């Protein structure tokens, strides 16, 4: 940003990356992006689910949670 204050030109540096997107450029996230790019290049597809219910059940199983209880508490 450029401004004129008291007859002086004041330059304020701007972030090249918007603050709300900085998380994506963190070293940890970039490492994961590289891992995914490598897996895709090697033809890995990951697990494919038939429907949303199967997907949610997989997440619950991975977390060691009971999907029925989660739905009951969420009143879904």
C-alpha atoms as a PDB file:
ATOM      1  CA  UNK A   1       0.000   0.000   0.000  1.00  0.00           C
ATOM      2  CA  UNK A   2       1.202   3.504  -0.773  1.00  0.00           C
ATOM      3  CA  UNK A   3       0.041   6.560   1.177  1.00  0.00           C
ATOM      4  CA  UNK A   4       1.084  10.163   1.581  1.00  0.00           C
ATOM      5  CA  UNK A   5       1.345  11.277   5.217  1.00  0.00           C
ATOM      6  CA  UNK A   6       2.649  14.676   6.272  1.00  0.00           C
ATOM      7  CA  UNK A   7       4.250  15.190   2.871  1.00  0.00           C
ATOM      8  CA  UNK A   8       5.980  11.786   2.975  1.00  0.00           C
ATOM      9  CA  UNK A   9       5.355   8.749   0.849  1.00  0.00           C
ATOM     10  CA  UNK A  10       4.748   5.789   3.130  1.00  0.00           C
ATOM     11  CA  UNK A  11       5.051   2.273   1.746  1.00  0.00           C
ATOM     12  CA  UNK A  12       3.382  -0.510   3.701  1.00  0.00           C
ATOM     13  CA  UNK A  13       4.375  -4.029   2.679  1.00  0.00           C
ATOM     14  CA  UNK A  14       1.573  -6.300   1.584  1.00  0.00           C
ATOM     15  CA  UNK A  15       1.501 -10.016   2.095  1.00  0.00           C
ATOM     16  CA  UNK A  16       1.930 -11.971  -1.121  1.00  0.00           C
ATOM     17  CA  UNK A  17      -0.328 -14.652   0.326  1.00  0.00           C
ATOM     18  CA  UNK A  18      -3.705 -13.577   1.738  1.00  0.00           C
ATOM     19  CA  UNK A  19      -3.835 -14.190   5.485  1.00  0.00           C
ATOM     20  CA  UNK A  20      -6.821 -16.531   5.169  1.00  0.00           C
ATOM     21  CA  UNK A  21      -4.814 -18.779   2.826  1.00  0.00           C
ATOM     22  CA  UNK A  22      -1.505 -18.826   4.693  1.00  0.00           C
ATOM     23  CA  UNK A  23      -2.274 -22.239   6.260  1.00  0.00           C
ATOM     24  CA  UNK A  24      -2.022 -23.833   2.811  1.00  0.00           C
ATOM     25  CA  UNK A  25       1.563 -22.665   2.394  1.00  0.00           C
ATOM     26  CA  UNK A  26       2.786 -23.937   5.776  1.00  0.00           C
ATOM     27  CA  UNK A  27       5.631 -26.488   5.540  1.00  0.00           C
ATOM     28  CA  UNK A  28       3.461 -29.273   6.974  1.00  0.00           C
ATOM     29  CA  UNK A  29       0.663 -28.682   4.517  1.00  0.00           C
ATOM     30  CA  UNK A  30       3.055 -28.482   1.577  1.00  0.00           C
ATOM     31  CA  UNK A  31       4.598 -31.787   2.643  1.00  0.00           C
ATOM     32  CA  UNK A  32       1.142 -33.376   2.532  1.00  0.00           C
ATOM     33  CA  UNK A  33       0.432 -31.814  -0.878  1.00  0.00           C
ATOM     34  CA  UNK A  34       3.683 -33.315  -2.194  1.00  0.00           C
ATOM     35  CA  UNK A  35       2.695 -36.706  -0.768  1.00  0.00           C
ATOM     36  CA  UNK A  36      -0.686 -36.550  -2.516  1.00  0.00           C
ATOM     37  CA  UNK A  37       0.872 -35.445  -5.809  1.00  0.00           C
ATOM     38  CA  UNK A  38       3.275 -38.390  -5.623  1.00  0.00           C
ATOM     39  CA  UNK A  39       0.472 -40.858  -4.868  1.00  0.00           C
ATOM     40  CA  UNK A  40      -1.602 -39.585  -7.779  1.00  0.00           C
ATOM     41  CA  UNK A  41       1.393 -39.781 -10.117  1.00  0.00           C
ATOM     42  CA  UNK A  42       1.866 -43.410  -9.048  1.00  0.00           C
ATOM     43  CA  UNK A  43      -1.774 -44.171  -9.875  1.00  0.00           C
ATOM     44  CA  UNK A  44      -3.086 -44.438  -6.327  1.00  0.00           C
ATOM     45  CA  UNK A  45      -6.742 -43.663  -6.141  1.00  0.00           C
ATOM     46  CA  UNK A  46      -7.539 -44.025  -2.485  1.00  0.00           C
ATOM     47  CA  UNK A  47     -10.662 -45.605  -1.111  1.00  0.00           C
ATOM     48  CA  UNK A  48     -13.887 -45.112  -3.052  1.00  0.00           C
ATOM     49  CA  UNK A  49     -17.198 -45.172  -1.200  1.00  0.00           C
ATOM     50  CA  UNK A  50     -20.568 -46.136  -2.657  1.00  0.00           C
ATOM     51  CA  UNK A  51     -22.398 -43.400  -0.779  1.00  0.00           C
ATOM     52  CA  UNK A  52     -22.106 -40.784   1.927  1.00  0.00           C
ATOM     53  CA  UNK A  53     -23.206 -43.192   4.630  1.00  0.00           C
ATOM     54  CA  UNK A  54     -20.315 -45.551   3.882  1.00  0.00           C
ATOM     55  CA  UNK A  55     -17.935 -42.601   3.915  1.00  0.00           C
ATOM     56  CA  UNK A  56     -19.185 -41.358   7.294  1.00  0.00           C
ATOM     57  CA  UNK A  57     -18.990 -44.868   8.719  1.00  0.00           C
ATOM     58  CA  UNK A  58     -15.371 -45.111   7.585  1.00  0.00           C
ATOM     59  CA  UNK A  59     -14.525 -41.821   9.302  1.00  0.00           C
ATOM     60  CA  UNK A  60     -16.266 -42.925  12.490  1.00  0.00           C
ATOM     61  CA  UNK A  61     -14.477 -46.279  12.450  1.00  0.00           C
ATOM     62  CA  UNK A  62     -11.113 -44.592  11.930  1.00  0.00           C
ATOM     63  CA  UNK A  63     -11.792 -42.282  14.875  1.00  0.00           C
ATOM     64  CA  UNK A  64     -13.040 -45.154  17.047  1.00  0.00           C
ATOM     65  CA  UNK A  65     -16.495 -43.594  17.332  1.00  0.00           C
ATOM     66  CA  UNK A  66     -19.986 -45.007  16.967  1.00  0.00           C
ATOM     67  CA  UNK A  67     -21.713 -43.389  13.976  1.00  0.00           C
ATOM     68  CA  UNK A  68     -25.161 -44.191  15.353  1.00  0.00           C
ATOM     69  CA  UNK A  69     -24.359 -42.330  18.563  1.00  0.00           C
ATOM     70  CA  UNK A  70     -22.965 -39.365  16.627  1.00  0.00           C
ATOM     71  CA  UNK A  71     -26.151 -39.171  14.555  1.00  0.00           C
ATOM     72  CA  UNK A  72     -28.320 -39.506  17.651  1.00  0.00           C
ATOM     73  CA  UNK A  73     -26.496 -36.639  19.376  1.00  0.00           C
ATOM     74  CA  UNK A  74     -26.663 -34.515  16.227  1.00  0.00           C
ATOM     75  CA  UNK A  75     -30.366 -35.377  15.874  1.00  0.00           C
ATOM     76  CA  UNK A  76     -29.839 -36.367  12.234  1.00  0.00           C
END
